[in-house]
Amino acid sequence: QVQLVESGGGSVQAGGSLRLSCAASGYTVRSSCMGWFRQAPGEEREVVAAMDSDGSTRAADSVKGRFTISRDNAKSILYLHMNSLKPEDSAMYYCAARTRGCAFGGTWYSRRDDYVYWGQGTQVTVSS
């Protein structure tokens, strides 16, 4: 049984940093595509960053240069390092996993339905 458990969320001021963690059980983090999504109230869930089995990564334009996705294969943990946080980054952040790769024909999967396994989410609040 696959379980994804997020942690590390909290409240920070604009310009601050947080590191989110996603502990995976029943799933090998390096085996397939894993990603981070976020959803603000009244908004659609959107992909923030993703990492494929070969270590390649992709980040949304809105977070490029500020957020970095990484993983610890030995600990089976996926991370999202968030720097220079802005109030518009406030959202519930979710860890998600696919059973296959992150991309097909050069196009990265970015829809909620493209991911099979989900965590419960961790809240990030950025104040101005």
N, C-alpha and C. Protein backbone atom coordinates (compact mmCIF):
# COMPACT_ATOMS: atom_id res chain seq x y z
N GLN A 1 0.85 -1.19 0.00
CA GLN A 1 0.00 0.00 0.00
C GLN A 1 0.88 1.24 0.00
N VAL A 2 0.65 2.11 -0.95
CA VAL A 2 1.44 3.33 -1.08
C VAL A 2 0.92 4.40 -0.14
N GLN A 3 1.84 4.99 0.59
CA GLN A 3 1.49 6.13 1.44
C GLN A 3 2.49 7.25 1.20
N LEU A 4 1.98 8.45 1.05
CA LEU A 4 2.80 9.64 0.91
C LEU A 4 2.40 10.59 2.03
N VAL A 5 3.37 11.00 2.82
CA VAL A 5 3.09 11.85 3.98
C VAL A 5 3.94 13.11 3.91
N GLU A 6 3.27 14.25 3.76
CA GLU A 6 3.97 15.53 3.66
C GLU A 6 4.19 16.13 5.05
N SER A 7 5.24 16.94 5.14
CA SER A 7 5.52 17.70 6.35
C SER A 7 6.35 18.90 5.99
N GLY A 8 6.50 19.81 6.92
CA GLY A 8 7.36 20.97 6.71
C GLY A 8 6.66 22.27 6.40
N GLY A 9 5.35 22.22 6.24
CA GLY A 9 4.63 23.46 5.97
C GLY A 9 4.60 24.34 7.20
N GLY A 10 4.12 25.56 7.02
CA GLY A 10 4.03 26.49 8.14
C GLY A 10 3.77 27.90 7.66
N SER A 11 3.94 28.84 8.57
CA SER A 11 3.72 30.25 8.27
C SER A 11 5.05 30.98 8.26
N VAL A 12 5.31 31.72 7.20
CA VAL A 12 6.55 32.48 7.09
C VAL A 12 6.24 33.85 6.50
N GLN A 13 7.17 34.75 6.67
CA GLN A 13 7.03 36.07 6.05
C GLN A 13 7.58 36.02 4.63
N ALA A 14 7.11 36.95 3.83
CA ALA A 14 7.60 37.05 2.46
C ALA A 14 9.12 37.15 2.45
N GLY A 15 9.73 36.44 1.52
CA GLY A 15 11.18 36.40 1.43
C GLY A 15 11.79 35.25 2.19
N GLY A 16 11.00 34.58 3.00
CA GLY A 16 11.49 33.47 3.79
C GLY A 16 11.59 32.18 3.01
N SER A 17 11.98 31.12 3.73
CA SER A 17 12.19 29.81 3.10
C SER A 17 11.52 28.72 3.92
N LEU A 18 11.16 27.67 3.22
CA LEU A 18 10.65 26.46 3.85
C LEU A 18 11.14 25.27 3.05
N ARG A 19 11.23 24.13 3.71
CA ARG A 19 11.53 22.88 3.01
C ARG A 19 10.42 21.89 3.33
N LEU A 20 9.72 21.47 2.30
CA LEU A 20 8.69 20.46 2.44
C LEU A 20 9.29 19.08 2.22
N SER A 21 8.79 18.11 2.96
CA SER A 21 9.23 16.73 2.81
C SER A 21 8.04 15.85 2.51
N CYS A 22 8.29 14.82 1.74
CA CYS A 22 7.26 13.83 1.43
C CYS A 22 7.88 12.46 1.66
N ALA A 23 7.46 11.81 2.73
CA ALA A 23 7.98 10.48 3.05
C ALA A 23 7.11 9.44 2.37
N ALA A 24 7.74 8.59 1.59
CA ALA A 24 7.02 7.58 0.82
C ALA A 24 7.22 6.20 1.42
N SER A 25 6.14 5.46 1.51
CA SER A 25 6.22 4.05 1.90
C SER A 25 5.43 3.24 0.89
N GLY A 26 5.91 2.03 0.61
CA GLY A 26 5.27 1.22 -0.40
C GLY A 26 5.52 1.71 -1.81
N TYR A 27 6.46 2.62 -1.92
CA TYR A 27 6.75 3.24 -3.23
C TYR A 27 8.21 3.65 -3.23
N THR A 28 8.91 3.37 -4.33
CA THR A 28 10.31 3.73 -4.45
C THR A 28 10.41 5.08 -5.16
N VAL A 29 10.93 6.09 -4.45
CA VAL A 29 10.87 7.45 -4.97
C VAL A 29 11.63 7.62 -6.28
N ARG A 30 12.62 6.77 -6.53
CA ARG A 30 13.40 6.93 -7.74
C ARG A 30 12.85 6.12 -8.92
N SER A 31 11.80 5.36 -8.66
CA SER A 31 11.32 4.42 -9.67
C SER A 31 10.49 5.08 -10.78
N SER A 32 9.79 6.13 -10.43
CA SER A 32 8.89 6.76 -11.40
C SER A 32 8.84 8.27 -11.13
N CYS A 33 7.88 8.90 -11.71
CA CYS A 33 7.74 10.34 -11.57
C CYS A 33 7.07 10.72 -10.26
N MET A 34 7.64 11.70 -9.58
CA MET A 34 6.99 12.28 -8.40
C MET A 34 6.96 13.79 -8.55
N GLY A 35 5.96 14.39 -7.94
CA GLY A 35 5.84 15.83 -8.07
C GLY A 35 5.19 16.48 -6.87
N TRP A 36 5.25 17.79 -6.89
CA TRP A 36 4.58 18.63 -5.90
C TRP A 36 3.52 19.47 -6.60
N PHE A 37 2.35 19.50 -6.03
CA PHE A 37 1.25 20.33 -6.50
C PHE A 37 0.86 21.29 -5.38
N ARG A 38 0.12 22.32 -5.73
CA ARG A 38 -0.43 23.20 -4.71
C ARG A 38 -1.83 23.64 -5.12
N GLN A 39 -2.60 23.97 -4.12
CA GLN A 39 -3.96 24.42 -4.38
C GLN A 39 -4.35 25.47 -3.36
N ALA A 40 -4.65 26.65 -3.86
CA ALA A 40 -5.14 27.74 -3.02
C ALA A 40 -6.66 27.71 -3.01
N PRO A 41 -7.29 28.27 -2.00
CA PRO A 41 -8.76 28.28 -1.94
C PRO A 41 -9.37 28.87 -3.20
N GLY A 42 -10.31 28.14 -3.78
CA GLY A 42 -10.99 28.61 -4.97
C GLY A 42 -10.22 28.47 -6.25
N GLU A 43 -9.04 27.88 -6.16
CA GLU A 43 -8.19 27.72 -7.33
C GLU A 43 -8.08 26.24 -7.72
N GLU A 44 -7.64 26.01 -8.95
CA GLU A 44 -7.36 24.66 -9.40
C GLU A 44 -6.04 24.18 -8.78
N ARG A 45 -5.94 22.86 -8.63
CA ARG A 45 -4.68 22.30 -8.17
C ARG A 45 -3.69 22.37 -9.33
N GLU A 46 -2.51 22.91 -9.07
CA GLU A 46 -1.53 23.09 -10.12
C GLU A 46 -0.20 22.44 -9.75
N VAL A 47 0.50 21.96 -10.78
CA VAL A 47 1.79 21.35 -10.55
C VAL A 47 2.81 22.43 -10.26
N VAL A 48 3.67 22.19 -9.30
CA VAL A 48 4.73 23.13 -8.93
C VAL A 48 6.07 22.66 -9.49
N ALA A 49 6.37 21.40 -9.26
CA ALA A 49 7.63 20.84 -9.73
C ALA A 49 7.50 19.33 -9.77
N ALA A 50 8.34 18.71 -10.59
CA ALA A 50 8.32 17.26 -10.71
C ALA A 50 9.72 16.75 -10.96
N MET A 51 9.92 15.50 -10.58
CA MET A 51 11.23 14.86 -10.79
C MET A 51 11.00 13.48 -11.36
N ASP A 52 11.74 13.15 -12.42
CA ASP A 52 11.59 11.86 -13.06
C ASP A 52 12.57 10.86 -12.47
N SER A 53 12.44 9.62 -12.90
CA SER A 53 13.28 8.56 -12.36
C SER A 53 14.77 8.79 -12.65
N ASP A 54 15.06 9.46 -13.76
CA ASP A 54 16.46 9.70 -14.11
C ASP A 54 17.03 10.95 -13.44
N GLY A 55 16.24 11.59 -12.61
CA GLY A 55 16.69 12.78 -11.90
C GLY A 55 16.38 14.09 -12.58
N SER A 56 15.87 14.03 -13.78
CA SER A 56 15.51 15.28 -14.47
C SER A 56 14.34 15.93 -13.77
N THR A 57 14.32 17.24 -13.82
CA THR A 57 13.29 17.98 -13.09
C THR A 57 12.63 19.03 -13.98
N ARG A 58 11.47 19.45 -13.55
CA ARG A 58 10.75 20.52 -14.23
C ARG A 58 10.04 21.32 -13.17
N ALA A 59 10.04 22.64 -13.34
CA ALA A 59 9.35 23.51 -12.39
C ALA A 59 8.43 24.46 -13.14
N ALA A 60 7.36 24.82 -12.49
CA ALA A 60 6.43 25.78 -13.07
C ALA A 60 7.12 27.13 -13.22
N ASP A 61 6.74 27.89 -14.23
CA ASP A 61 7.37 29.19 -14.47
C ASP A 61 7.27 30.09 -13.25
N SER A 62 6.17 29.98 -12.52
CA SER A 62 5.94 30.86 -11.38
C SER A 62 6.91 30.63 -10.22
N VAL A 63 7.59 29.48 -10.22
CA VAL A 63 8.50 29.17 -9.11
C VAL A 63 9.93 28.93 -9.56
N LYS A 64 10.19 29.00 -10.84
CA LYS A 64 11.55 28.77 -11.35
C LYS A 64 12.53 29.76 -10.73
N GLY A 65 13.66 29.23 -10.32
CA GLY A 65 14.66 30.07 -9.69
C GLY A 65 14.44 30.25 -8.20
N ARG A 66 13.28 29.84 -7.70
CA ARG A 66 12.99 29.97 -6.25
C ARG A 66 12.76 28.61 -5.59
N PHE A 67 12.12 27.70 -6.29
CA PHE A 67 11.82 26.38 -5.73
C PHE A 67 12.70 25.33 -6.40
N THR A 68 13.11 24.34 -5.63
CA THR A 68 13.90 23.23 -6.15
C THR A 68 13.35 21.92 -5.61
N ILE A 69 13.20 20.95 -6.49
CA ILE A 69 12.75 19.63 -6.08
C ILE A 69 13.95 18.70 -6.01
N SER A 70 13.98 17.87 -4.99
CA SER A 70 15.08 16.90 -4.85
C SER A 70 14.55 15.67 -4.14
N ARG A 71 15.38 14.65 -4.04
CA ARG A 71 14.96 13.45 -3.34
C ARG A 71 16.15 12.79 -2.66
N ASP A 72 15.84 12.04 -1.64
CA ASP A 72 16.83 11.21 -0.96
C ASP A 72 16.39 9.77 -1.17
N ASN A 73 17.07 9.08 -2.06
CA ASN A 73 16.66 7.71 -2.41
C ASN A 73 16.76 6.78 -1.21
N ALA A 74 17.80 6.94 -0.42
CA ALA A 74 18.02 6.04 0.71
C ALA A 74 16.92 6.19 1.76
N LYS A 75 16.46 7.44 1.96
CA LYS A 75 15.43 7.69 2.96
C LYS A 75 14.03 7.64 2.36
N SER A 76 13.95 7.53 1.06
CA SER A 76 12.66 7.50 0.36
C SER A 76 11.86 8.76 0.66
N ILE A 77 12.49 9.90 0.48
CA ILE A 77 11.86 11.19 0.75
C ILE A 77 12.02 12.10 -0.46
N LEU A 78 10.96 12.76 -0.81
CA LEU A 78 10.97 13.79 -1.84
C LEU A 78 10.90 15.14 -1.14
N TYR A 79 11.68 16.10 -1.62
CA TYR A 79 11.72 17.42 -0.99
C TYR A 79 11.28 18.51 -1.96
N LEU A 80 10.80 19.60 -1.38
CA LEU A 80 10.59 20.82 -2.15
C LEU A 80 11.22 21.95 -1.33
N HIS A 81 12.30 22.49 -1.86
CA HIS A 81 12.99 23.59 -1.21
C HIS A 81 12.42 24.88 -1.77
N MET A 82 11.87 25.70 -0.90
CA MET A 82 11.20 26.92 -1.34
C MET A 82 11.90 28.13 -0.75
N ASN A 83 12.40 28.98 -1.61
CA ASN A 83 13.10 30.20 -1.20
C ASN A 83 12.37 31.42 -1.76
N SER A 84 12.69 32.56 -1.20
CA SER A 84 12.10 33.83 -1.66
C SER A 84 10.59 33.72 -1.77
N LEU A 85 9.98 33.20 -0.75
CA LEU A 85 8.54 32.97 -0.78
C LEU A 85 7.75 34.26 -0.89
N LYS A 86 6.64 34.16 -1.61
CA LYS A 86 5.75 35.30 -1.84
C LYS A 86 4.36 34.97 -1.28
N PRO A 87 3.58 35.97 -0.97
CA PRO A 87 2.22 35.70 -0.48
C PRO A 87 1.41 34.82 -1.45
N GLU A 88 1.66 34.98 -2.75
CA GLU A 88 0.91 34.19 -3.73
C GLU A 88 1.33 32.71 -3.74
N ASP A 89 2.37 32.36 -3.00
CA ASP A 89 2.75 30.95 -2.85
C ASP A 89 1.92 30.25 -1.78
N SER A 90 1.13 31.01 -1.05
CA SER A 90 0.30 30.42 0.01
C SER A 90 -0.69 29.44 -0.60
N ALA A 91 -0.71 28.23 -0.07
CA ALA A 91 -1.58 27.17 -0.60
C ALA A 91 -1.38 25.91 0.23
N MET A 92 -2.22 24.93 -0.04
CA MET A 92 -1.98 23.58 0.45
C MET A 92 -1.08 22.91 -0.57
N TYR A 93 0.00 22.33 -0.10
CA TYR A 93 0.95 21.67 -0.98
C TYR A 93 0.82 20.16 -0.84
N TYR A 94 0.75 19.50 -1.99
CA TYR A 94 0.55 18.06 -2.04
C TYR A 94 1.72 17.37 -2.75
N CYS A 95 2.08 16.23 -2.23
CA CYS A 95 3.04 15.34 -2.88
C CYS A 95 2.24 14.33 -3.69
N ALA A 96 2.73 13.99 -4.87
CA ALA A 96 2.01 13.06 -5.72
C ALA A 96 3.00 12.18 -6.49
N ALA A 97 2.51 11.03 -6.91
CA ALA A 97 3.38 10.10 -7.62
C ALA A 97 2.65 9.44 -8.77
N ARG A 98 3.41 9.16 -9.80
CA ARG A 98 2.89 8.41 -10.93
C ARG A 98 3.47 7.00 -10.89
N THR A 99 2.96 6.15 -11.75
CA THR A 99 3.52 4.81 -11.88
C THR A 99 4.43 4.72 -13.10
N ARG A 100 4.54 5.80 -13.83
CA ARG A 100 5.40 5.86 -15.00
C ARG A 100 6.18 7.17 -14.97
N GLY A 101 6.80 7.49 -16.10
CA GLY A 101 7.63 8.69 -16.17
C GLY A 101 6.84 9.97 -16.16
N CYS A 102 7.62 11.07 -16.12
CA CYS A 102 7.02 12.39 -16.02
C CYS A 102 6.60 12.98 -17.36
N ALA A 103 7.12 12.39 -18.42
CA ALA A 103 6.90 13.04 -19.70
C ALA A 103 6.64 12.03 -20.81
N PHE A 104 5.99 12.50 -21.84
CA PHE A 104 5.78 11.69 -23.04
C PHE A 104 5.94 12.61 -24.24
N GLY A 105 6.83 12.21 -25.11
CA GLY A 105 7.07 13.04 -26.29
C GLY A 105 7.56 14.42 -25.95
N GLY A 106 8.25 14.54 -24.83
CA GLY A 106 8.79 15.83 -24.44
C GLY A 106 7.84 16.69 -23.65
N THR A 107 6.61 16.25 -23.50
CA THR A 107 5.62 17.00 -22.73
C THR A 107 5.46 16.39 -21.35
N TRP A 108 5.64 17.23 -20.33
CA TRP A 108 5.53 16.74 -18.96
C TRP A 108 4.07 16.69 -18.55
N TYR A 109 3.72 15.62 -17.84
CA TYR A 109 2.37 15.48 -17.30
C TYR A 109 2.16 16.50 -16.18
N SER A 110 1.08 17.23 -16.25
CA SER A 110 0.88 18.29 -15.27
C SER A 110 -0.53 18.32 -14.68
N ARG A 111 -1.38 17.43 -15.14
CA ARG A 111 -2.74 17.44 -14.63
C ARG A 111 -2.87 16.61 -13.36
N ARG A 112 -3.81 16.97 -12.56
CA ARG A 112 -4.08 16.22 -11.34
C ARG A 112 -4.34 14.75 -11.66
N ASP A 113 -5.10 14.49 -12.70
CA ASP A 113 -5.46 13.11 -13.06
C ASP A 113 -4.29 12.29 -13.59
N ASP A 114 -3.19 12.94 -13.89
CA ASP A 114 -2.01 12.22 -14.38
C ASP A 114 -1.26 11.51 -13.26
N TYR A 115 -1.56 11.87 -12.03
CA TYR A 115 -0.88 11.28 -10.88
C TYR A 115 -1.81 10.34 -10.14
N VAL A 116 -1.24 9.24 -9.68
CA VAL A 116 -2.04 8.16 -9.10
C VAL A 116 -2.13 8.24 -7.58
N TYR A 117 -1.01 8.52 -6.96
CA TYR A 117 -0.94 8.51 -5.50
C TYR A 117 -0.79 9.94 -4.98
N TRP A 118 -1.45 10.21 -3.86
CA TRP A 118 -1.46 11.55 -3.28
C TRP A 118 -1.29 11.51 -1.78
N GLY A 119 -0.62 12.53 -1.28
CA GLY A 119 -0.56 12.73 0.16
C GLY A 119 -1.73 13.58 0.62
N GLN A 120 -1.78 13.85 1.92
CA GLN A 120 -2.88 14.62 2.49
C GLN A 120 -2.64 16.12 2.42
N GLY A 121 -1.43 16.52 2.18
CA GLY A 121 -1.14 17.94 2.01
C GLY A 121 -0.56 18.57 3.27
N THR A 122 0.17 19.66 3.05
CA THR A 122 0.72 20.47 4.13
C THR A 122 0.53 21.93 3.77
N GLN A 123 0.08 22.72 4.72
CA GLN A 123 -0.29 24.11 4.46
C GLN A 123 0.92 25.03 4.52
N VAL A 124 1.02 25.88 3.53
CA VAL A 124 2.05 26.93 3.51
C VAL A 124 1.35 28.28 3.46
N THR A 125 1.68 29.15 4.39
CA THR A 125 1.10 30.48 4.44
C THR A 125 2.22 31.51 4.47
N VAL A 126 2.20 32.42 3.51
CA VAL A 126 3.23 33.45 3.40
C VAL A 126 2.58 34.81 3.62
N SER A 127 3.05 35.51 4.62
CA SER A 127 2.48 36.83 4.93
C SER A 127 3.38 37.93 4.38
N SER A 128 2.73 39.03 4.01
CA SER A 128 3.49 40.15 3.42
C SER A 128 4.03 41.08 4.48
